């Protein structure tokens, strides 16, 4: 037992000592023996947030491997595939619980060997473990090494954000002690009674050059994407916020989504791809709801950035570097809108913080708006 925890602690120390340039993998759990910490928080705060994160993680799923279809070919293959999907979903939900806690500004502390050995012995006694965490989760001087904290990781294109959750590492004492309060089936709310979608509610397509003009009943927006070939399939998704959490904005029979991508941009090998797009949006508040690569989708349901689109306005949403820092760069360039064709009322969008919304997709996290 002692040698096992020594090895786990060694891994944790190695990770903590890695330089900032090392690639951070957002689809793995933190190795070692860990717990969640926020200075000044109570154990009740810890348990409430953990229960919410468990509930949100339960609404996510890894992409299916095709196990159900394999049953038609060979039942044994189908059963194996279904078991593989189940393991991946369990791993993915563990990842999402951790990402959710970090997104809500809880940091991860990795315990040293002595504390790890002592507290891990209580895993089979969750009530005692829970009591032991009472003096740790909000301590001004927490035990262990600070291993992970929120740094707007999802907007860092150098992070590994799109791997499958094949496995989990480490032991989360918070989860082991808190699962008793959050086990069981999630109570899904009844679906709202919504009208039937129409063609007008489909995601918006970029405007053709001859159609780029402002109208009194909409907002003209411009957005620029850059990135190398690795991110050519990536999309970022903006969603118009509905009247309440359970009602989508498209109930007014206007689109509530646009999702630009560099997928169709062809350039010489080694050169960055650049895409500039214009959309005509229904007025309202639009949030950066997530990003995706093929079937790996992130939902920024723990908090995001948003802008207000007013009728008759023209907005520049910024330049998003999908392979670097995705925080929008608001520098106006000639390749966005040539000066001689620029709308007279074109201005920068003002991003502000926007609260959470119902989670879905493969992974969940939060993003912060640009400073200033």
Protein backbone atom coordinates (compact mmCIF):
# COMPACT_ATOMS: atom_id res chain seq x y z
CA UNK A 1 0.00 0.00 0.00
CA UNK A 2 2.75 2.43 0.96
CA UNK A 3 4.66 1.85 -2.28
CA UNK A 4 1.49 2.39 -4.32
CA UNK A 5 0.84 5.76 -2.73
CA UNK A 6 4.50 6.71 -3.11
CA UNK A 7 4.20 6.13 -6.83
CA UNK A 8 0.96 8.11 -7.04
CA UNK A 9 2.48 10.99 -5.13
CA UNK A 10 5.50 10.94 -7.41
CA UNK A 11 3.28 11.34 -10.45
CA UNK A 12 1.44 14.24 -8.81
CA UNK A 13 4.70 15.99 -7.96
CA UNK A 14 5.94 15.49 -11.51
CA UNK A 15 2.77 17.07 -12.93
CA UNK A 16 2.94 19.98 -10.52
CA UNK A 17 6.52 20.65 -11.56
CA UNK A 18 5.84 20.58 -15.30
CA UNK A 19 6.54 23.81 -17.19
CA UNK A 20 3.64 25.94 -18.37
CA UNK A 21 4.41 24.97 -21.97
CA UNK A 22 3.54 21.30 -21.37
CA UNK A 23 0.26 20.25 -22.96
CA UNK A 24 -2.58 20.08 -20.48
CA UNK A 25 -5.07 17.26 -21.04
CA UNK A 26 -8.60 18.36 -20.11
CA UNK A 27 -10.11 14.92 -20.68
CA UNK A 28 -8.31 13.13 -17.83
CA UNK A 29 -8.74 13.27 -14.08
CA UNK A 30 -5.94 14.43 -11.82
CA UNK A 31 -3.68 11.59 -10.60
CA UNK A 32 -2.80 11.05 -6.96
CA UNK A 33 -4.98 11.31 -3.86
CA UNK A 34 -6.85 14.60 -4.10
CA UNK A 35 -9.66 16.71 -2.67
CA UNK A 36 -11.43 19.93 -3.68
CA UNK A 37 -10.59 23.16 -1.90
CA UNK A 38 -11.84 26.75 -1.85
CA UNK A 39 -10.54 29.05 0.88
CA UNK A 40 -13.27 30.01 3.33
CA UNK A 41 -15.79 27.46 2.06
CA UNK A 42 -17.75 25.24 4.42
CA UNK A 43 -18.27 21.51 4.10
CA UNK A 44 -21.90 22.27 3.18
CA UNK A 45 -20.67 24.51 0.33
CA UNK A 46 -18.41 21.70 -0.85
CA UNK A 47 -21.19 19.10 -0.75
CA UNK A 48 -23.72 21.33 -2.50
CA UNK A 49 -21.36 22.15 -5.36
CA UNK A 50 -20.24 18.55 -5.69
CA UNK A 51 -23.83 17.30 -5.86
CA UNK A 52 -24.61 19.84 -8.58
CA UNK A 53 -21.53 18.80 -10.57
CA UNK A 54 -22.46 15.12 -10.26
CA UNK A 55 -25.95 15.95 -11.57
CA UNK A 56 -24.56 17.98 -14.48
CA UNK A 57 -22.05 15.27 -15.36
CA UNK A 58 -24.84 12.70 -15.49
CA UNK A 59 -26.30 14.59 -18.46
CA UNK A 60 -23.20 13.99 -20.60
CA UNK A 61 -22.12 10.98 -22.66
CA UNK A 62 -19.08 9.92 -24.65
CA UNK A 63 -19.60 9.27 -28.38
CA UNK A 64 -20.87 5.74 -28.96
CA UNK A 65 -18.39 3.19 -30.32
CA UNK A 66 -21.02 1.39 -32.37
CA UNK A 67 -21.59 -1.45 -29.90
CA UNK A 68 -25.33 -1.54 -30.56
CA UNK A 69 -24.81 -1.92 -34.30
CA UNK A 70 -22.23 -4.66 -33.75
CA UNK A 71 -24.90 -6.81 -32.09
CA UNK A 72 -26.37 -7.35 -35.56
CA UNK A 73 -23.04 -8.75 -36.76
CA UNK A 74 -21.85 -10.66 -33.72
CA UNK A 75 -23.58 -10.60 -30.31
CA UNK A 76 -20.27 -11.02 -28.50
CA UNK A 77 -18.82 -7.98 -30.26
CA UNK A 78 -21.93 -6.00 -29.44
CA UNK A 79 -21.77 -6.86 -25.76
CA UNK A 80 -18.07 -5.96 -25.66
CA UNK A 81 -18.77 -2.66 -27.41
CA UNK A 82 -21.61 -1.82 -25.03
CA UNK A 83 -19.35 -2.56 -22.05
CA UNK A 84 -16.64 -0.35 -23.53
CA UNK A 85 -19.13 2.50 -23.96
CA UNK A 86 -20.28 2.08 -20.36
CA UNK A 87 -16.70 2.32 -19.06
CA UNK A 88 -16.02 5.39 -21.19
CA UNK A 89 -19.18 7.08 -19.97
CA UNK A 90 -18.21 6.43 -16.37
CA UNK A 91 -14.74 7.83 -17.03
CA UNK A 92 -16.19 10.80 -18.90
CA UNK A 93 -18.50 11.66 -16.04
CA UNK A 94 -15.60 11.53 -13.57
CA UNK A 95 -13.73 13.93 -15.85
CA UNK A 96 -16.77 16.21 -16.04
CA UNK A 97 -17.23 16.25 -12.28
CA UNK A 98 -13.65 17.45 -11.91
CA UNK A 99 -13.97 19.99 -14.73
CA UNK A 100 -17.22 21.26 -13.23
CA UNK A 101 -15.69 21.76 -9.78
CA UNK A 102 -12.68 23.58 -11.26
CA UNK A 103 -14.98 25.69 -13.45
CA UNK A 104 -16.78 26.77 -10.28
CA UNK A 105 -13.45 27.91 -8.85
CA UNK A 106 -12.66 24.95 -6.62
CA UNK A 107 -9.00 24.01 -6.85
CA UNK A 108 -7.54 20.51 -6.62
CA UNK A 109 -5.09 19.69 -3.85
CA UNK A 110 -2.92 16.56 -4.10
CA UNK A 111 -1.98 15.09 -0.74
CA UNK A 112 1.49 14.06 0.34
CA UNK A 113 2.22 10.41 1.08
CA UNK A 114 1.46 10.47 4.80
CA UNK A 115 -1.90 12.26 4.51
CA UNK A 116 -2.81 10.23 1.42
CA UNK A 117 -2.21 6.95 3.25
CA UNK A 118 -4.11 8.04 6.36
CA UNK A 119 -7.18 9.40 4.58
CA UNK A 120 -7.38 6.76 1.86
CA UNK A 121 -7.86 4.19 4.60
CA UNK A 122 -11.22 5.89 5.28
CA UNK A 123 -12.59 5.40 1.77
CA UNK A 124 -14.58 2.40 2.99
CA UNK A 125 -15.97 4.55 5.81
CA UNK A 126 -17.41 7.54 3.93
CA UNK A 127 -18.96 9.15 7.02
CA UNK A 128 -15.59 9.30 8.77
CA UNK A 129 -13.90 10.49 5.58
CA UNK A 130 -16.56 13.16 5.17
CA UNK A 131 -15.96 14.38 8.72
CA UNK A 132 -12.20 14.43 8.13
CA UNK A 133 -12.65 16.71 5.10
CA UNK A 134 -14.59 19.27 7.17
CA UNK A 135 -11.43 21.04 8.26
CA UNK A 136 -9.71 20.73 4.88
CA UNK A 137 -12.03 21.92 2.10
CA UNK A 138 -12.06 25.57 3.22
CA UNK A 139 -8.75 25.82 5.09
CA UNK A 140 -6.72 29.00 4.67
CA UNK A 141 -3.58 26.83 4.54
CA UNK A 142 -4.74 23.66 2.79
CA UNK A 143 -2.95 20.35 3.12
CA UNK A 144 -1.15 19.09 0.03
CA UNK A 145 0.10 20.54 -3.24
CA UNK A 146 -2.01 22.84 -5.42
CA UNK A 147 -2.33 20.75 -8.59
CA UNK A 148 -5.10 22.31 -10.68
CA UNK A 149 -7.11 25.51 -10.69
CA UNK A 150 -9.23 27.47 -13.19
CA UNK A 151 -7.20 29.21 -15.89
CA UNK A 152 -9.64 29.51 -18.83
CA UNK A 153 -8.18 26.24 -20.12
CA UNK A 154 -10.93 25.66 -22.68
CA UNK A 155 -9.85 28.75 -24.64
CA UNK A 156 -6.25 27.54 -24.86
CA UNK A 157 -5.78 25.85 -28.22
CA UNK A 158 -2.61 24.13 -27.03
CA UNK A 159 -4.60 22.10 -24.47
CA UNK A 160 -5.76 18.60 -25.40
CA UNK A 161 -9.53 19.15 -25.35
CA UNK A 162 -10.85 16.49 -27.72
CA UNK A 163 -9.51 13.12 -26.56
CA UNK A 164 -11.90 10.42 -25.45
CA UNK A 165 -12.17 9.69 -21.73
CA UNK A 166 -10.68 6.21 -21.90
CA UNK A 167 -9.71 6.01 -18.25
CA UNK A 168 -9.53 7.92 -14.99
CA UNK A 169 -6.60 8.34 -12.65
CA UNK A 170 -6.27 9.08 -8.98
CA UNK A 171 -8.61 8.95 -6.01
CA UNK A 172 -10.84 11.95 -5.25
CA UNK A 173 -11.53 11.91 -1.53
CA UNK A 174 -14.21 14.56 -2.07
CA UNK A 175 -16.04 12.26 -4.44
CA UNK A 176 -15.58 9.19 -2.26
CA UNK A 177 -16.93 11.06 0.77
CA UNK A 178 -19.66 12.95 -1.05
CA UNK A 179 -21.20 10.36 -3.33
CA UNK A 180 -23.60 9.25 -0.60
CA UNK A 181 -25.45 12.55 -0.94
CA UNK A 182 -25.54 12.47 -4.72
CA UNK A 183 -26.04 8.85 -5.78
CA UNK A 184 -29.17 7.78 -7.57
CA UNK A 185 -31.05 8.65 -10.70
CA UNK A 186 -31.14 12.25 -11.85
CA UNK A 187 -34.65 13.72 -11.88
CA UNK A 188 -35.04 15.12 -15.38
CA UNK A 189 -37.58 17.96 -15.69
CA UNK A 190 -40.53 17.32 -18.00
CA UNK A 191 -39.88 18.55 -21.54
CA UNK A 192 -41.55 21.89 -22.28
CA UNK A 193 -44.44 22.07 -24.71
CA UNK A 194 -42.74 23.68 -27.72
CA UNK A 195 -43.96 24.55 -31.20
CA UNK A 196 -42.67 22.60 -34.17
CA UNK A 197 -39.37 24.02 -35.55
CA UNK A 198 -39.40 25.46 -39.07
CA UNK A 199 -36.74 26.15 -41.70
CA UNK A 200 -36.36 29.64 -40.23
CA UNK A 201 -35.18 28.13 -36.94
CA UNK A 202 -32.25 26.19 -38.47
CA UNK A 203 -28.68 27.31 -37.66
CA UNK A 204 -27.64 30.40 -39.58
CA UNK A 205 -25.36 30.15 -42.61
CA UNK A 206 -22.69 32.78 -43.36
CA UNK A 207 -23.86 35.58 -45.65
CA UNK A 208 -22.64 35.78 -49.22
CA UNK A 209 -20.70 38.95 -50.01
CA UNK A 210 -23.56 40.51 -51.97
CA UNK A 211 -25.93 40.00 -49.01
CA UNK A 212 -23.79 41.72 -46.37
CA UNK A 213 -25.93 44.64 -45.27
CA UNK A 214 -27.72 45.68 -42.10
CA UNK A 215 -31.48 45.60 -41.59
CA UNK A 216 -33.62 47.25 -38.94
CA UNK A 217 -34.93 43.93 -37.60
CA UNK A 218 -31.55 42.19 -37.21
CA UNK A 219 -27.91 42.62 -36.20
CA UNK A 220 -25.08 42.28 -38.72
CA UNK A 221 -22.02 40.59 -37.16
CA UNK A 222 -18.53 39.77 -38.41
CA UNK A 223 -16.26 37.09 -36.92
CA UNK A 224 -12.75 35.98 -37.87
CA UNK A 225 -11.25 32.51 -37.24
CA UNK A 226 -7.64 31.45 -37.62
CA UNK A 227 -5.85 28.17 -36.98
CA UNK A 228 -3.65 25.47 -38.43
CA UNK A 229 -4.74 22.23 -40.08
CA UNK A 230 -5.16 20.48 -36.70
CA UNK A 231 -8.20 22.62 -35.92
CA UNK A 232 -9.75 22.67 -39.39
CA UNK A 233 -12.72 20.61 -38.20
CA UNK A 234 -13.30 22.65 -35.03
CA UNK A 235 -16.37 24.81 -34.62
CA UNK A 236 -17.35 27.38 -32.03
CA UNK A 237 -21.05 27.75 -31.34
CA UNK A 238 -22.99 30.87 -30.38
CA UNK A 239 -26.54 30.47 -29.09
CA UNK A 240 -29.29 33.04 -28.58
CA UNK A 241 -30.59 32.86 -25.03
CA UNK A 242 -34.25 31.98 -24.64
CA UNK A 243 -36.87 33.43 -22.28
CA UNK A 244 -35.97 30.89 -19.58
CA UNK A 245 -33.65 27.94 -18.97
CA UNK A 246 -36.03 25.34 -20.41
CA UNK A 247 -37.28 27.31 -23.43
CA UNK A 248 -35.02 27.83 -26.47
CA UNK A 249 -34.98 31.20 -28.19
CA UNK A 250 -36.24 29.73 -31.47
CA UNK A 251 -39.80 29.61 -30.11
CA UNK A 252 -40.13 33.03 -31.76
CA UNK A 253 -39.54 31.20 -35.08
CA UNK A 254 -36.12 32.77 -35.69
CA UNK A 255 -32.77 30.99 -35.55
CA UNK A 256 -30.92 30.71 -32.25
CA UNK A 257 -27.56 29.29 -33.41
CA UNK A 258 -24.55 29.98 -35.62
CA UNK A 259 -21.35 27.93 -35.62
CA UNK A 260 -18.43 29.11 -37.80
CA UNK A 261 -15.63 26.71 -38.76
CA UNK A 262 -12.46 26.66 -40.88
CA UNK A 263 -13.42 23.32 -42.41
CA UNK A 264 -13.78 24.60 -45.99
CA UNK A 265 -10.70 26.85 -46.00
CA UNK A 266 -7.83 25.53 -48.16
CA UNK A 267 -4.31 26.94 -47.82
CA UNK A 268 -0.76 25.91 -48.57
CA UNK A 269 0.76 23.39 -46.18
CA UNK A 270 2.27 25.04 -43.12
CA UNK A 271 0.31 28.28 -43.45
CA UNK A 272 -2.53 29.20 -41.08
CA UNK A 273 -6.10 29.08 -42.25
CA UNK A 274 -8.11 32.29 -42.00
CA UNK A 275 -11.87 32.59 -42.30
CA UNK A 276 -13.98 35.75 -42.08
CA UNK A 277 -17.74 35.32 -41.82
CA UNK A 278 -20.74 37.61 -41.63
CA UNK A 279 -24.11 36.65 -40.15
CA UNK A 280 -27.43 38.41 -39.74
CA UNK A 281 -28.65 37.65 -36.23
CA UNK A 282 -32.05 38.02 -34.62
CA UNK A 283 -31.69 40.60 -31.83
CA UNK A 284 -31.15 39.28 -28.32
CA UNK A 285 -28.39 38.09 -26.01
CA UNK A 286 -26.01 35.59 -27.59
CA UNK A 287 -23.64 33.38 -25.60
CA UNK A 288 -20.61 31.34 -26.58
CA UNK A 289 -22.28 28.03 -25.77
CA UNK A 290 -19.51 25.60 -26.68
CA UNK A 291 -17.09 24.16 -29.21
CA UNK A 292 -16.77 20.85 -31.00
CA UNK A 293 -14.52 18.69 -33.14
CA UNK A 294 -16.47 16.03 -35.07
CA UNK A 295 -18.41 14.18 -32.34
CA UNK A 296 -16.51 15.62 -29.35
CA UNK A 297 -18.56 18.56 -28.06
CA UNK A 298 -17.88 20.88 -25.12
CA UNK A 299 -20.68 22.75 -23.36
CA UNK A 300 -19.72 25.90 -21.46
CA UNK A 301 -22.74 25.35 -19.23
CA UNK A 302 -20.89 26.30 -16.04
CA UNK A 303 -20.61 29.94 -17.14
CA UNK A 304 -19.57 31.69 -20.32
CA UNK A 305 -19.28 35.01 -22.16
CA UNK A 306 -22.10 36.70 -24.05
CA UNK A 307 -22.90 39.84 -26.05
CA UNK A 308 -26.06 41.82 -26.72
CA UNK A 309 -27.24 42.18 -30.33
CA UNK A 310 -29.57 45.12 -30.94
CA UNK A 311 -31.71 45.79 -34.02
CA UNK A 312 -29.96 47.69 -36.80
CA UNK A 313 -26.48 47.36 -35.27
CA UNK A 314 -23.27 46.07 -36.86
CA UNK A 315 -20.87 44.24 -34.51
CA UNK A 316 -17.37 42.83 -34.78
CA UNK A 317 -17.17 39.70 -32.61
CA UNK A 318 -13.38 39.48 -32.72
CA UNK A 319 -10.74 37.11 -34.08
CA UNK A 320 -10.60 33.64 -32.50
CA UNK A 321 -7.33 31.68 -32.84
CA UNK A 322 -8.51 28.07 -32.64
CA UNK A 323 -4.96 26.70 -32.34
CA UNK A 324 -3.77 29.34 -29.87
CA UNK A 325 -5.55 31.61 -27.42
CA UNK A 326 -9.24 31.63 -28.32
CA UNK A 327 -10.00 34.75 -26.29
CA UNK A 328 -11.38 37.13 -28.93
CA UNK A 329 -8.86 39.62 -30.31
CA UNK A 330 -10.82 42.79 -31.10
CA UNK A 331 -8.18 44.29 -33.43
CA UNK A 332 -9.92 45.41 -36.64
CA UNK A 333 -8.01 44.14 -39.69
CA UNK A 334 -8.44 44.89 -43.38
CA UNK A 335 -9.13 41.21 -44.10
CA UNK A 336 -12.25 41.41 -41.94
CA UNK A 337 -14.10 44.25 -43.63
CA UNK A 338 -12.24 46.51 -46.08
CA UNK A 339 -12.47 50.13 -44.94
CA UNK A 340 -14.39 51.17 -48.05
CA UNK A 341 -17.12 48.56 -47.34
CA UNK A 342 -17.22 48.82 -43.58
CA UNK A 343 -20.64 49.73 -42.13
CA UNK A 344 -20.57 53.20 -40.63
CA UNK A 345 -21.99 51.97 -37.34
CA UNK A 346 -19.69 48.93 -36.98
CA UNK A 347 -18.40 48.59 -33.41
CA UNK A 348 -16.79 45.96 -31.21
CA UNK A 349 -19.08 43.54 -29.40
CA UNK A 350 -19.00 43.95 -25.63
CA UNK A 351 -18.54 40.55 -24.01
CA UNK A 352 -19.70 40.17 -20.43
CA UNK A 353 -20.02 37.21 -18.10
CA UNK A 354 -23.11 35.03 -18.49
CA UNK A 355 -24.33 32.45 -16.00
CA UNK A 356 -24.74 28.73 -16.44
CA UNK A 357 -27.37 26.86 -18.40
CA UNK A 358 -28.53 23.22 -18.70
CA UNK A 359 -25.61 20.94 -19.56
CA UNK A 360 -25.33 18.45 -22.41
CA UNK A 361 -22.71 17.14 -24.83
CA UNK A 362 -19.54 15.19 -24.11
CA UNK A 363 -17.61 17.53 -21.80
CA UNK A 364 -18.59 20.52 -19.64
CA UNK A 365 -16.62 23.55 -18.47
CA UNK A 366 -16.73 27.35 -18.20
CA UNK A 367 -15.02 30.26 -19.95
CA UNK A 368 -14.34 33.82 -18.84
CA UNK A 369 -14.82 36.91 -21.04
CA UNK A 370 -11.76 38.93 -22.04
CA UNK A 371 -10.54 41.39 -19.42
CA UNK A 372 -11.47 45.02 -19.87
